[in-house]
């Protein structure tokens, strides 16, 4: 109920304000689970992406967003949980695995999950090497992965800025769903790396961004 009301009202406002240019919307599965895997340029990425999908999508969100102090922090925490978001901490910890297991429940129920494999916003607009959590989800649930390339969201609210530039029209390019069941006989660690690299290759092909070839240094610092 909460998600439906928010999606209808806020989604319409966000589409009107941000005016995203969308390509490949038909590649979103009409029924069944799916995983959106996107590059990550800005804090506003999720606000650009969610309203154009047309289906409910749960996100893995930084744990720090759930721990903000004061009344505003409590309101943000309530809203995040109400919309099905799951907190995750950076780093190879058991807590991160538990967060993946929790959000996998959305896929088992036939819903959608969105994840940014780079781990954090790109500091320079390039596309960084992907973390293997997205492959873990795909292997654990069998859900197809839909690659997404976002463009120009980093110009709406540049790093270090708080004032949005609403004249910028972001782009959302949605690729064809990817199935990875052919890798089920590979060793799990190897399969996760191969799948993640293929997903990042697909995102790069949809995008006009340069590939960095290394992990995002901001994800290491956070």
C-alpha atoms as a PDB file:
ATOM      1  CA  UNK A   1       0.000   0.000   0.000  1.00  0.00           C
ATOM      2  CA  UNK A   2       2.686   2.508   1.051  1.00  0.00           C
ATOM      3  CA  UNK A   3       4.827   1.670  -1.945  1.00  0.00           C
ATOM      4  CA  UNK A   4       1.884   1.982  -4.332  1.00  0.00           C
ATOM      5  CA  UNK A   5       0.903   5.426  -3.085  1.00  0.00           C
ATOM      6  CA  UNK A   6       4.505   6.659  -3.098  1.00  0.00           C
ATOM      7  CA  UNK A   7       5.211   5.206  -6.527  1.00  0.00           C
ATOM      8  CA  UNK A   8       2.138   6.780  -8.113  1.00  0.00           C
ATOM      9  CA  UNK A   9       2.485  10.251  -6.590  1.00  0.00           C
ATOM     10  CA  UNK A  10       6.225  10.766  -6.146  1.00  0.00           C
ATOM     11  CA  UNK A  11       7.038   8.858  -9.326  1.00  0.00           C
ATOM     12  CA  UNK A  12       4.885  11.210 -11.383  1.00  0.00           C
ATOM     13  CA  UNK A  13       6.517  14.260  -9.806  1.00  0.00           C
ATOM     14  CA  UNK A  14      10.016  12.893 -10.387  1.00  0.00           C
ATOM     15  CA  UNK A  15       9.301  12.126 -14.038  1.00  0.00           C
ATOM     16  CA  UNK A  16       7.983  15.652 -14.496  1.00  0.00           C
ATOM     17  CA  UNK A  17      10.966  17.284 -12.791  1.00  0.00           C
ATOM     18  CA  UNK A  18      13.774  15.126 -14.176  1.00  0.00           C
ATOM     19  CA  UNK A  19      12.294  14.337 -17.641  1.00  0.00           C
ATOM     20  CA  UNK A  20      14.483  11.262 -18.199  1.00  0.00           C
ATOM     21  CA  UNK A  21      15.025  10.024 -21.738  1.00  0.00           C
ATOM     22  CA  UNK A  22      14.388   6.281 -21.674  1.00  0.00           C
ATOM     23  CA  UNK A  23      15.512   3.672 -24.191  1.00  0.00           C
ATOM     24  CA  UNK A  24      14.670  -0.031 -24.024  1.00  0.00           C
ATOM     25  CA  UNK A  25      11.826   0.122 -21.503  1.00  0.00           C
ATOM     26  CA  UNK A  26      10.325  -2.972 -23.165  1.00  0.00           C
ATOM     27  CA  UNK A  27      13.287  -5.009 -21.882  1.00  0.00           C
ATOM     28  CA  UNK A  28      11.871  -4.905 -18.330  1.00  0.00           C
ATOM     29  CA  UNK A  29      10.166  -8.281 -17.717  1.00  0.00           C
ATOM     30  CA  UNK A  30       6.404  -7.911 -17.358  1.00  0.00           C
ATOM     31  CA  UNK A  31       6.181 -10.744 -14.846  1.00  0.00           C
ATOM     32  CA  UNK A  32       8.552 -12.592 -12.548  1.00  0.00           C
ATOM     33  CA  UNK A  33      11.758 -11.611 -10.758  1.00  0.00           C
ATOM     34  CA  UNK A  34      14.463  -9.456 -12.288  1.00  0.00           C
ATOM     35  CA  UNK A  35      17.669  -7.729 -11.185  1.00  0.00           C
ATOM     36  CA  UNK A  36      18.519  -4.250 -12.436  1.00  0.00           C
ATOM     37  CA  UNK A  37      22.287  -3.755 -12.567  1.00  0.00           C
ATOM     38  CA  UNK A  38      23.291  -0.168 -13.257  1.00  0.00           C
ATOM     39  CA  UNK A  39      26.309   2.083 -13.268  1.00  0.00           C
ATOM     40  CA  UNK A  40      26.284   4.597 -10.420  1.00  0.00           C
ATOM     41  CA  UNK A  41      26.958   8.283 -11.015  1.00  0.00           C
ATOM     42  CA  UNK A  42      24.931  10.261  -8.489  1.00  0.00           C
ATOM     43  CA  UNK A  43      22.796  10.257  -5.350  1.00  0.00           C
ATOM     44  CA  UNK A  44      19.778  10.838  -7.624  1.00  0.00           C
ATOM     45  CA  UNK A  45      20.274   7.665  -9.687  1.00  0.00           C
ATOM     46  CA  UNK A  46      17.559   5.712  -7.879  1.00  0.00           C
ATOM     47  CA  UNK A  47      15.137   8.652  -8.174  1.00  0.00           C
ATOM     48  CA  UNK A  48      15.728   8.698 -11.943  1.00  0.00           C
ATOM     49  CA  UNK A  49      15.537   4.934 -12.386  1.00  0.00           C
ATOM     50  CA  UNK A  50      12.606   3.837 -10.207  1.00  0.00           C
ATOM     51  CA  UNK A  51       9.857   5.972 -11.806  1.00  0.00           C
ATOM     52  CA  UNK A  52      10.564   4.682 -15.337  1.00  0.00           C
ATOM     53  CA  UNK A  53      10.606   0.946 -14.549  1.00  0.00           C
ATOM     54  CA  UNK A  54       6.868   0.452 -14.084  1.00  0.00           C
ATOM     55  CA  UNK A  55       7.300  -2.303 -11.470  1.00  0.00           C
ATOM     56  CA  UNK A  56       8.214  -2.384  -7.804  1.00  0.00           C
ATOM     57  CA  UNK A  57      11.961  -2.375  -7.231  1.00  0.00           C
ATOM     58  CA  UNK A  58      13.815  -2.852  -3.924  1.00  0.00           C
ATOM     59  CA  UNK A  59      17.289  -1.406  -3.470  1.00  0.00           C
ATOM     60  CA  UNK A  60      20.322  -2.297  -1.438  1.00  0.00           C
ATOM     61  CA  UNK A  61      21.019   0.969   0.391  1.00  0.00           C
ATOM     62  CA  UNK A  62      24.030   2.080   2.410  1.00  0.00           C
ATOM     63  CA  UNK A  63      23.558   1.237   6.085  1.00  0.00           C
ATOM     64  CA  UNK A  64      24.516   4.809   7.018  1.00  0.00           C
ATOM     65  CA  UNK A  65      21.222   6.079   5.517  1.00  0.00           C
ATOM     66  CA  UNK A  66      19.342   4.014   8.124  1.00  0.00           C
ATOM     67  CA  UNK A  67      21.360   5.484  11.001  1.00  0.00           C
ATOM     68  CA  UNK A  68      20.904   9.222  10.490  1.00  0.00           C
ATOM     69  CA  UNK A  69      20.146  11.059  13.760  1.00  0.00           C
ATOM     70  CA  UNK A  70      17.106  13.041  14.827  1.00  0.00           C
ATOM     71  CA  UNK A  71      13.546  13.189  13.561  1.00  0.00           C
ATOM     72  CA  UNK A  72      14.637  13.485   9.954  1.00  0.00           C
ATOM     73  CA  UNK A  73      16.768  10.383  10.361  1.00  0.00           C
ATOM     74  CA  UNK A  74      13.847   8.446  11.824  1.00  0.00           C
ATOM     75  CA  UNK A  75      11.609   9.559   8.965  1.00  0.00           C
ATOM     76  CA  UNK A  76      14.165   8.530   6.364  1.00  0.00           C
ATOM     77  CA  UNK A  77      14.669   5.177   8.088  1.00  0.00           C
ATOM     78  CA  UNK A  78      10.916   4.547   8.179  1.00  0.00           C
ATOM     79  CA  UNK A  79      10.542   5.449   4.519  1.00  0.00           C
ATOM     80  CA  UNK A  80      13.420   3.229   3.435  1.00  0.00           C
ATOM     81  CA  UNK A  81      12.052   0.213   5.284  1.00  0.00           C
ATOM     82  CA  UNK A  82       8.481   0.910   4.133  1.00  0.00           C
ATOM     83  CA  UNK A  83       9.634   0.838   0.513  1.00  0.00           C
ATOM     84  CA  UNK A  84      11.450  -2.469   0.956  1.00  0.00           C
ATOM     85  CA  UNK A  85      15.018  -1.171   1.018  1.00  0.00           C
ATOM     86  CA  UNK A  86      17.659  -3.295   2.728  1.00  0.00           C
ATOM     87  CA  UNK A  87      20.720  -1.783   4.479  1.00  0.00           C
ATOM     88  CA  UNK A  88      24.140  -3.099   3.532  1.00  0.00           C
ATOM     89  CA  UNK A  89      27.601  -2.259   4.853  1.00  0.00           C
ATOM     90  CA  UNK A  90      30.657  -2.031   2.651  1.00  0.00           C
ATOM     91  CA  UNK A  91      33.283  -4.748   2.856  1.00  0.00           C
ATOM     92  CA  UNK A  92      33.458  -8.565   2.674  1.00  0.00           C
ATOM     93  CA  UNK A  93      31.475  -9.184   5.880  1.00  0.00           C
ATOM     94  CA  UNK A  94      28.824 -11.665   6.924  1.00  0.00           C
ATOM     95  CA  UNK A  95      26.489  -8.705   7.348  1.00  0.00           C
ATOM     96  CA  UNK A  96      26.751  -8.012   3.609  1.00  0.00           C
ATOM     97  CA  UNK A  97      25.860 -11.618   2.820  1.00  0.00           C
ATOM     98  CA  UNK A  98      22.873 -11.431   5.160  1.00  0.00           C
ATOM     99  CA  UNK A  99      21.702  -8.285   3.359  1.00  0.00           C
ATOM    100  CA  UNK A 100      21.918 -10.114   0.024  1.00  0.00           C
ATOM    101  CA  UNK A 101      19.965 -13.024   1.460  1.00  0.00           C
ATOM    102  CA  UNK A 102      17.317 -10.640   2.756  1.00  0.00           C
ATOM    103  CA  UNK A 103      16.848  -8.790  -0.507  1.00  0.00           C
ATOM    104  CA  UNK A 104      16.814 -12.099  -2.384  1.00  0.00           C
ATOM    105  CA  UNK A 105      13.428 -12.646  -0.735  1.00  0.00           C
ATOM    106  CA  UNK A 106      12.044  -9.918  -3.023  1.00  0.00           C
ATOM    107  CA  UNK A 107      13.157 -11.965  -6.014  1.00  0.00           C
ATOM    108  CA  UNK A 108      11.748 -15.208  -4.617  1.00  0.00           C
ATOM    109  CA  UNK A 109       8.406 -13.383  -4.324  1.00  0.00           C
ATOM    110  CA  UNK A 110       8.577 -12.383  -7.990  1.00  0.00           C
ATOM    111  CA  UNK A 111       9.642  -8.772  -7.531  1.00  0.00           C
ATOM    112  CA  UNK A 112      12.527  -6.667  -8.748  1.00  0.00           C
ATOM    113  CA  UNK A 113      15.830  -5.707  -7.134  1.00  0.00           C
ATOM    114  CA  UNK A 114      18.199  -2.921  -8.164  1.00  0.00           C
ATOM    115  CA  UNK A 115      21.895  -2.981  -7.398  1.00  0.00           C
ATOM    116  CA  UNK A 116      24.923  -0.858  -8.301  1.00  0.00           C
ATOM    117  CA  UNK A 117      27.763  -3.361  -8.802  1.00  0.00           C
ATOM    118  CA  UNK A 118      30.450  -0.662  -8.611  1.00  0.00           C
ATOM    119  CA  UNK A 119      29.693  -0.326  -4.892  1.00  0.00           C
ATOM    120  CA  UNK A 120      29.556   3.468  -4.767  1.00  0.00           C
ATOM    121  CA  UNK A 121      29.170   6.513  -6.980  1.00  0.00           C
ATOM    122  CA  UNK A 122      31.827   6.959  -9.613  1.00  0.00           C
ATOM    123  CA  UNK A 123      34.209   9.784  -8.621  1.00  0.00           C
ATOM    124  CA  UNK A 124      34.979  10.714 -12.221  1.00  0.00           C
ATOM    125  CA  UNK A 125      32.149   9.368 -14.404  1.00  0.00           C
ATOM    126  CA  UNK A 126      34.021   6.267 -15.532  1.00  0.00           C
ATOM    127  CA  UNK A 127      32.578   2.782 -15.061  1.00  0.00           C
ATOM    128  CA  UNK A 128      34.490   0.769 -12.470  1.00  0.00           C
ATOM    129  CA  UNK A 129      34.937  -2.960 -11.981  1.00  0.00           C
ATOM    130  CA  UNK A 130      31.886  -4.687 -10.534  1.00  0.00           C
ATOM    131  CA  UNK A 131      31.556  -6.339  -7.139  1.00  0.00           C
ATOM    132  CA  UNK A 132      30.195  -9.869  -7.282  1.00  0.00           C
ATOM    133  CA  UNK A 133      27.077  -9.378  -5.130  1.00  0.00           C
ATOM    134  CA  UNK A 134      24.963  -9.021  -8.271  1.00  0.00           C
ATOM    135  CA  UNK A 135      26.186 -12.403  -9.502  1.00  0.00           C
ATOM    136  CA  UNK A 136      25.511 -13.920  -6.072  1.00  0.00           C
ATOM    137  CA  UNK A 137      21.885 -12.789  -6.368  1.00  0.00           C
ATOM    138  CA  UNK A 138      21.530 -14.082  -9.915  1.00  0.00           C
ATOM    139  CA  UNK A 139      22.957 -17.491  -9.024  1.00  0.00           C
ATOM    140  CA  UNK A 140      20.965 -17.809  -5.792  1.00  0.00           C
ATOM    141  CA  UNK A 141      17.614 -16.926  -7.351  1.00  0.00           C
ATOM    142  CA  UNK A 142      17.891 -17.675 -11.060  1.00  0.00           C
ATOM    143  CA  UNK A 143      16.523 -14.188 -11.809  1.00  0.00           C
ATOM    144  CA  UNK A 144      17.568 -12.567 -15.091  1.00  0.00           C
ATOM    145  CA  UNK A 145      19.833  -9.530 -14.899  1.00  0.00           C
ATOM    146  CA  UNK A 146      18.788  -6.412 -16.809  1.00  0.00           C
ATOM    147  CA  UNK A 147      21.770  -4.121 -17.499  1.00  0.00           C
ATOM    148  CA  UNK A 148      21.153  -0.379 -17.265  1.00  0.00           C
ATOM    149  CA  UNK A 149      23.327   2.570 -18.271  1.00  0.00           C
ATOM    150  CA  UNK A 150      22.533   5.900 -16.667  1.00  0.00           C
ATOM    151  CA  UNK A 151      23.802   9.085 -18.249  1.00  0.00           C
ATOM    152  CA  UNK A 152      24.144  12.688 -17.044  1.00  0.00           C
ATOM    153  CA  UNK A 153      22.740  12.077 -13.555  1.00  0.00           C
ATOM    154  CA  UNK A 154      26.115  13.265 -12.268  1.00  0.00           C
ATOM    155  CA  UNK A 155      25.328  16.658 -13.800  1.00  0.00           C
ATOM    156  CA  UNK A 156      22.044  16.990 -11.895  1.00  0.00           C
ATOM    157  CA  UNK A 157      23.746  16.983  -8.494  1.00  0.00           C
ATOM    158  CA  UNK A 158      27.530  16.913  -9.009  1.00  0.00           C
ATOM    159  CA  UNK A 159      29.724  15.518  -6.252  1.00  0.00           C
ATOM    160  CA  UNK A 160      30.145  18.186  -3.588  1.00  0.00           C
ATOM    161  CA  UNK A 161      26.988  20.074  -4.616  1.00  0.00           C
ATOM    162  CA  UNK A 162      23.582  20.174  -2.927  1.00  0.00           C
ATOM    163  CA  UNK A 163      21.610  22.227  -5.439  1.00  0.00           C
ATOM    164  CA  UNK A 164      19.996  20.219  -8.277  1.00  0.00           C
ATOM    165  CA  UNK A 165      20.348  21.362 -11.867  1.00  0.00           C
ATOM    166  CA  UNK A 166      16.943  20.440 -13.247  1.00  0.00           C
ATOM    167  CA  UNK A 167      17.716  21.649 -16.773  1.00  0.00           C
ATOM    168  CA  UNK A 168      19.792  18.494 -17.250  1.00  0.00           C
ATOM    169  CA  UNK A 169      17.836  15.606 -18.800  1.00  0.00           C
ATOM    170  CA  UNK A 170      19.294  12.244 -17.718  1.00  0.00           C
ATOM    171  CA  UNK A 171      19.250   9.183 -19.951  1.00  0.00           C
ATOM    172  CA  UNK A 172      18.268   5.647 -18.995  1.00  0.00           C
ATOM    173  CA  UNK A 173      19.307   2.914 -21.420  1.00  0.00           C
ATOM    174  CA  UNK A 174      17.911  -0.512 -20.566  1.00  0.00           C
ATOM    175  CA  UNK A 175      19.456  -3.604 -22.143  1.00  0.00           C
ATOM    176  CA  UNK A 176      18.079  -7.058 -22.820  1.00  0.00           C
ATOM    177  CA  UNK A 177      17.721  -9.464 -19.871  1.00  0.00           C
ATOM    178  CA  UNK A 178      20.727 -11.714 -19.325  1.00  0.00           C
ATOM    179  CA  UNK A 179      20.459 -15.359 -18.255  1.00  0.00           C
ATOM    180  CA  UNK A 180      23.388 -17.042 -16.511  1.00  0.00           C
ATOM    181  CA  UNK A 181      22.115 -20.557 -15.857  1.00  0.00           C
ATOM    182  CA  UNK A 182      24.817 -21.851 -18.233  1.00  0.00           C
ATOM    183  CA  UNK A 183      27.389 -21.149 -15.506  1.00  0.00           C
ATOM    184  CA  UNK A 184      25.763 -23.271 -12.796  1.00  0.00           C
ATOM    185  CA  UNK A 185      28.401 -26.022 -13.151  1.00  0.00           C
ATOM    186  CA  UNK A 186      31.360 -23.655 -12.701  1.00  0.00           C
ATOM    187  CA  UNK A 187      32.958 -23.286  -9.250  1.00  0.00           C
ATOM    188  CA  UNK A 188      30.920 -20.627  -7.441  1.00  0.00           C
ATOM    189  CA  UNK A 189      33.710 -18.122  -6.978  1.00  0.00           C
ATOM    190  CA  UNK A 190      34.744 -18.354 -10.619  1.00  0.00           C
ATOM    191  CA  UNK A 191      31.128 -18.153 -11.812  1.00  0.00           C
ATOM    192  CA  UNK A 192      30.463 -15.020  -9.763  1.00  0.00           C
ATOM    193  CA  UNK A 193      33.475 -13.268 -11.267  1.00  0.00           C
ATOM    194  CA  UNK A 194      32.647 -14.275 -14.854  1.00  0.00           C
ATOM    195  CA  UNK A 195      28.994 -13.265 -14.491  1.00  0.00           C
ATOM    196  CA  UNK A 196      29.845  -9.911 -12.924  1.00  0.00           C
ATOM    197  CA  UNK A 197      32.335  -9.110 -15.682  1.00  0.00           C
ATOM    198  CA  UNK A 198      29.746  -9.940 -18.358  1.00  0.00           C
ATOM    199  CA  UNK A 199      27.214  -7.675 -16.663  1.00  0.00           C
ATOM    200  CA  UNK A 200      29.684  -4.789 -16.534  1.00  0.00           C
ATOM    201  CA  UNK A 201      30.552  -5.383 -20.198  1.00  0.00           C
ATOM    202  CA  UNK A 202      26.851  -5.070 -21.052  1.00  0.00           C
ATOM    203  CA  UNK A 203      26.517  -1.853 -19.043  1.00  0.00           C
ATOM    204  CA  UNK A 204      29.573  -0.393 -20.794  1.00  0.00           C
ATOM    205  CA  UNK A 205      28.148  -1.244 -24.227  1.00  0.00           C
ATOM    206  CA  UNK A 206      24.946   0.634 -23.367  1.00  0.00           C
ATOM    207  CA  UNK A 207      26.889   3.611 -22.070  1.00  0.00           C
ATOM    208  CA  UNK A 208      29.167   6.216 -23.604  1.00  0.00           C
ATOM    209  CA  UNK A 209      31.309   6.191 -20.454  1.00  0.00           C
ATOM    210  CA  UNK A 210      34.949   5.167 -20.292  1.00  0.00           C
ATOM    211  CA  UNK A 211      35.842   1.977 -18.442  1.00  0.00           C
ATOM    212  CA  UNK A 212      38.180   2.415 -15.461  1.00  0.00           C
ATOM    213  CA  UNK A 213      39.371  -1.214 -15.271  1.00  0.00           C
ATOM    214  CA  UNK A 214      39.810  -1.105 -11.471  1.00  0.00           C
ATOM    215  CA  UNK A 215      37.588  -1.114  -8.395  1.00  0.00           C
ATOM    216  CA  UNK A 216      35.950   2.133  -7.329  1.00  0.00           C
ATOM    217  CA  UNK A 217      38.281   3.771  -4.755  1.00  0.00           C
ATOM    218  CA  UNK A 218      35.323   5.496  -3.059  1.00  0.00           C
ATOM    219  CA  UNK A 219      33.807   2.095  -2.225  1.00  0.00           C
ATOM    220  CA  UNK A 220      37.064   1.106  -0.559  1.00  0.00           C
ATOM    221  CA  UNK A 221      37.088   4.238   1.594  1.00  0.00           C
ATOM    222  CA  UNK A 222      33.456   4.092   2.788  1.00  0.00           C
END
